[in-house]
Amino acid sequence: MRNRHMPAKPIFSGDDAYPQTMLMNNESCNGLTKLEYAAIQIMAGNQSIPGTHNRPKTASFDAVEKANALFDELEKQENKS
């Protein structure tokens, strides 16, 4: 599973004492993905710029595009290490 699709703040169901084991085994958990969480944060920041609050579709598209660009760059940095 790629980093951007991992849960940002996972909410696990059940009594598993080892949530990391669940992630490694690709078991499902609830919550936002890191990509979704990053896009929300970027969109909130973009909305603070004067004149952008009246364009929600443009703002949401830009936020997702910027979040994907962020994860693309992070993956490049990881591959260099």
N, C-alpha and C. Protein backbone atom coordinates (compact mmCIF):
# COMPACT_ATOMS: atom_id res chain seq x y z
N MET A 1 0.85 -1.17 0.00
CA MET A 1 0.00 0.00 0.00
C MET A 1 0.91 1.24 0.00
N ARG A 2 0.63 2.17 -0.90
CA ARG A 2 1.42 3.39 -0.99
C ARG A 2 1.13 4.29 0.20
N ASN A 3 2.11 5.08 0.56
CA ASN A 3 2.02 5.95 1.73
C ASN A 3 0.78 6.84 1.68
N ARG A 4 0.47 7.40 0.53
CA ARG A 4 -0.67 8.32 0.42
C ARG A 4 -2.01 7.64 0.69
N HIS A 5 -2.04 6.31 0.57
CA HIS A 5 -3.28 5.58 0.80
C HIS A 5 -3.37 4.95 2.19
N MET A 6 -2.31 5.14 2.97
CA MET A 6 -2.32 4.66 4.35
C MET A 6 -3.23 5.57 5.18
N PRO A 7 -3.78 5.06 6.25
CA PRO A 7 -4.64 5.89 7.10
C PRO A 7 -3.83 6.96 7.82
N ALA A 8 -4.39 8.18 7.86
CA ALA A 8 -3.72 9.29 8.54
C ALA A 8 -3.80 9.11 10.05
N LYS A 9 -4.96 8.84 10.53
CA LYS A 9 -5.20 8.62 11.95
C LYS A 9 -6.15 7.44 12.06
N PRO A 10 -5.61 6.23 11.93
CA PRO A 10 -6.48 5.05 11.82
C PRO A 10 -7.36 4.82 13.04
N ILE A 11 -8.55 4.38 12.76
CA ILE A 11 -9.50 3.97 13.80
C ILE A 11 -9.73 2.48 13.57
N PHE A 12 -9.27 1.68 14.48
CA PHE A 12 -9.37 0.24 14.32
C PHE A 12 -10.59 -0.28 15.03
N SER A 13 -11.23 -1.24 14.39
CA SER A 13 -12.35 -1.90 15.04
C SER A 13 -11.84 -3.20 15.63
N GLY A 14 -12.44 -3.63 16.67
CA GLY A 14 -12.01 -4.87 17.31
C GLY A 14 -11.06 -4.61 18.45
N ASP A 15 -10.54 -5.67 19.01
CA ASP A 15 -9.68 -5.58 20.19
C ASP A 15 -8.23 -5.88 19.87
N ASP A 16 -7.81 -5.65 18.64
CA ASP A 16 -6.44 -5.97 18.28
C ASP A 16 -5.47 -5.07 19.06
N ALA A 17 -4.57 -5.66 19.78
CA ALA A 17 -3.61 -4.91 20.57
C ALA A 17 -2.45 -4.40 19.73
N TYR A 18 -2.35 -4.87 18.49
CA TYR A 18 -1.24 -4.50 17.63
C TYR A 18 -1.75 -3.92 16.31
N PRO A 19 -2.18 -2.64 16.32
CA PRO A 19 -2.73 -2.06 15.09
C PRO A 19 -1.73 -2.02 13.94
N GLN A 20 -0.42 -1.91 14.21
CA GLN A 20 0.56 -1.89 13.12
C GLN A 20 0.54 -3.21 12.36
N THR A 21 0.29 -4.31 13.06
CA THR A 21 0.19 -5.61 12.41
C THR A 21 -0.98 -5.62 11.44
N MET A 22 -2.07 -4.98 11.83
CA MET A 22 -3.24 -4.91 10.94
C MET A 22 -2.88 -4.16 9.66
N LEU A 23 -2.13 -3.05 9.80
CA LEU A 23 -1.75 -2.27 8.62
C LEU A 23 -0.83 -3.07 7.71
N MET A 24 0.12 -3.77 8.28
CA MET A 24 1.05 -4.55 7.47
C MET A 24 0.35 -5.68 6.73
N ASN A 25 -0.72 -6.19 7.30
CA ASN A 25 -1.47 -7.27 6.67
C ASN A 25 -2.58 -6.75 5.78
N ASN A 26 -2.61 -5.44 5.54
CA ASN A 26 -3.62 -4.78 4.71
C ASN A 26 -5.04 -5.03 5.20
N GLU A 27 -5.19 -5.20 6.49
CA GLU A 27 -6.54 -5.34 7.03
C GLU A 27 -7.17 -3.96 7.07
N SER A 28 -8.47 -3.93 6.96
CA SER A 28 -9.14 -2.65 6.85
C SER A 28 -9.21 -1.94 8.20
N CYS A 29 -9.18 -0.63 8.12
CA CYS A 29 -9.43 0.21 9.27
C CYS A 29 -10.16 1.44 8.75
N ASN A 30 -10.79 2.14 9.63
CA ASN A 30 -11.59 3.29 9.25
C ASN A 30 -10.77 4.57 9.41
N GLY A 31 -11.22 5.61 8.75
CA GLY A 31 -10.57 6.91 8.88
C GLY A 31 -10.12 7.44 7.54
N LEU A 32 -9.63 8.67 7.56
CA LEU A 32 -9.16 9.33 6.35
C LEU A 32 -7.79 8.79 5.93
N THR A 33 -7.55 8.77 4.63
CA THR A 33 -6.22 8.44 4.16
C THR A 33 -5.32 9.67 4.34
N LYS A 34 -4.03 9.45 4.26
CA LYS A 34 -3.10 10.57 4.37
C LYS A 34 -3.33 11.57 3.25
N LEU A 35 -3.67 11.07 2.05
CA LEU A 35 -3.95 11.96 0.92
C LEU A 35 -5.17 12.83 1.20
N GLU A 36 -6.23 12.22 1.70
CA GLU A 36 -7.44 12.99 2.02
C GLU A 36 -7.17 14.02 3.11
N TYR A 37 -6.42 13.61 4.13
CA TYR A 37 -6.12 14.51 5.23
C TYR A 37 -5.27 15.69 4.74
N ALA A 38 -4.26 15.40 3.92
CA ALA A 38 -3.41 16.46 3.38
C ALA A 38 -4.22 17.42 2.51
N ALA A 39 -5.11 16.88 1.68
CA ALA A 39 -5.94 17.73 0.81
C ALA A 39 -6.84 18.65 1.63
N ILE A 40 -7.40 18.13 2.71
CA ILE A 40 -8.25 18.96 3.58
C ILE A 40 -7.44 20.10 4.18
N GLN A 41 -6.24 19.79 4.66
CA GLN A 41 -5.40 20.82 5.27
C GLN A 41 -4.97 21.86 4.23
N ILE A 42 -4.62 21.41 3.04
CA ILE A 42 -4.22 22.33 1.97
C ILE A 42 -5.40 23.21 1.57
N MET A 43 -6.58 22.61 1.44
CA MET A 43 -7.76 23.40 1.06
C MET A 43 -8.08 24.44 2.13
N ALA A 44 -7.95 24.07 3.39
CA ALA A 44 -8.21 25.04 4.46
C ALA A 44 -7.23 26.21 4.37
N GLY A 45 -5.97 25.90 4.09
CA GLY A 45 -4.99 26.97 3.93
C GLY A 45 -5.27 27.83 2.72
N ASN A 46 -5.67 27.20 1.62
CA ASN A 46 -6.00 27.96 0.41
C ASN A 46 -7.20 28.87 0.61
N GLN A 47 -8.14 28.43 1.41
CA GLN A 47 -9.35 29.22 1.64
C GLN A 47 -9.05 30.49 2.44
N SER A 48 -7.90 30.54 3.10
CA SER A 48 -7.55 31.74 3.86
C SER A 48 -7.00 32.85 2.96
N ILE A 49 -6.75 32.51 1.71
CA ILE A 49 -6.26 33.51 0.75
C ILE A 49 -7.44 34.32 0.25
N PRO A 50 -7.39 35.65 0.34
CA PRO A 50 -8.51 36.48 -0.10
C PRO A 50 -8.91 36.19 -1.54
N GLY A 51 -10.22 36.08 -1.76
CA GLY A 51 -10.75 35.87 -3.10
C GLY A 51 -10.93 34.42 -3.50
N THR A 52 -10.49 33.48 -2.68
CA THR A 52 -10.60 32.08 -3.06
C THR A 52 -11.82 31.39 -2.46
N HIS A 53 -12.43 31.97 -1.44
CA HIS A 53 -13.52 31.29 -0.75
C HIS A 53 -14.79 31.16 -1.60
N ASN A 54 -14.87 31.85 -2.71
CA ASN A 54 -16.06 31.77 -3.57
C ASN A 54 -15.90 30.75 -4.68
N ARG A 55 -14.79 30.01 -4.70
CA ARG A 55 -14.54 29.04 -5.76
C ARG A 55 -14.26 27.67 -5.17
N PRO A 56 -15.26 27.02 -4.58
CA PRO A 56 -14.99 25.75 -3.90
C PRO A 56 -14.53 24.63 -4.82
N LYS A 57 -15.06 24.55 -6.05
CA LYS A 57 -14.63 23.47 -6.94
C LYS A 57 -13.18 23.65 -7.36
N THR A 58 -12.79 24.87 -7.65
CA THR A 58 -11.41 25.14 -8.01
C THR A 58 -10.50 24.88 -6.82
N ALA A 59 -10.93 25.31 -5.64
CA ALA A 59 -10.12 25.12 -4.43
C ALA A 59 -9.94 23.64 -4.12
N SER A 60 -10.99 22.86 -4.27
CA SER A 60 -10.88 21.43 -3.97
C SER A 60 -9.99 20.72 -4.99
N PHE A 61 -10.13 21.07 -6.26
CA PHE A 61 -9.27 20.49 -7.29
C PHE A 61 -7.81 20.82 -7.02
N ASP A 62 -7.54 22.10 -6.73
CA ASP A 62 -6.17 22.53 -6.44
C ASP A 62 -5.60 21.81 -5.23
N ALA A 63 -6.42 21.62 -4.20
CA ALA A 63 -5.95 20.97 -2.98
C ALA A 63 -5.55 19.52 -3.25
N VAL A 64 -6.35 18.80 -4.00
CA VAL A 64 -6.03 17.41 -4.31
C VAL A 64 -4.79 17.34 -5.20
N GLU A 65 -4.70 18.24 -6.16
CA GLU A 65 -3.53 18.29 -7.04
C GLU A 65 -2.25 18.56 -6.24
N LYS A 66 -2.32 19.51 -5.32
CA LYS A 66 -1.15 19.84 -4.50
C LYS A 66 -0.81 18.70 -3.54
N ALA A 67 -1.82 18.05 -2.99
CA ALA A 67 -1.57 16.91 -2.09
C ALA A 67 -0.89 15.78 -2.84
N ASN A 68 -1.35 15.49 -4.05
CA ASN A 68 -0.71 14.44 -4.86
C ASN A 68 0.74 14.82 -5.20
N ALA A 69 0.97 16.10 -5.51
CA ALA A 69 2.32 16.56 -5.80
C ALA A 69 3.21 16.42 -4.58
N LEU A 70 2.67 16.70 -3.40
CA LEU A 70 3.42 16.53 -2.16
C LEU A 70 3.85 15.09 -1.97
N PHE A 71 2.92 14.15 -2.13
CA PHE A 71 3.25 12.74 -1.95
C PHE A 71 4.19 12.24 -3.04
N ASP A 72 4.06 12.76 -4.27
CA ASP A 72 4.99 12.39 -5.34
C ASP A 72 6.41 12.78 -4.93
N GLU A 73 6.56 13.99 -4.42
CA GLU A 73 7.89 14.47 -4.01
C GLU A 73 8.41 13.69 -2.81
N LEU A 74 7.54 13.38 -1.85
CA LEU A 74 7.96 12.59 -0.70
C LEU A 74 8.44 11.20 -1.12
N GLU A 75 7.74 10.60 -2.09
CA GLU A 75 8.14 9.29 -2.57
C GLU A 75 9.48 9.34 -3.30
N LYS A 76 9.75 10.43 -4.03
CA LYS A 76 11.04 10.59 -4.68
C LYS A 76 12.15 10.68 -3.64
N GLN A 77 11.89 11.45 -2.58
CA GLN A 77 12.88 11.59 -1.51
C GLN A 77 13.15 10.25 -0.81
N GLU A 78 12.08 9.47 -0.60
CA GLU A 78 12.24 8.16 0.03
C GLU A 78 13.07 7.23 -0.84
N ASN A 79 12.86 7.29 -2.14
CA ASN A 79 13.59 6.41 -3.07
C ASN A 79 15.05 6.76 -3.17
N LYS A 80 15.40 8.02 -2.87
CA LYS A 80 16.81 8.43 -2.89
C LYS A 80 17.57 7.88 -1.70
N SER A 81 16.86 7.66 -0.60
CA SER A 81 17.51 7.19 0.64
C SER A 81 17.94 5.77 0.55
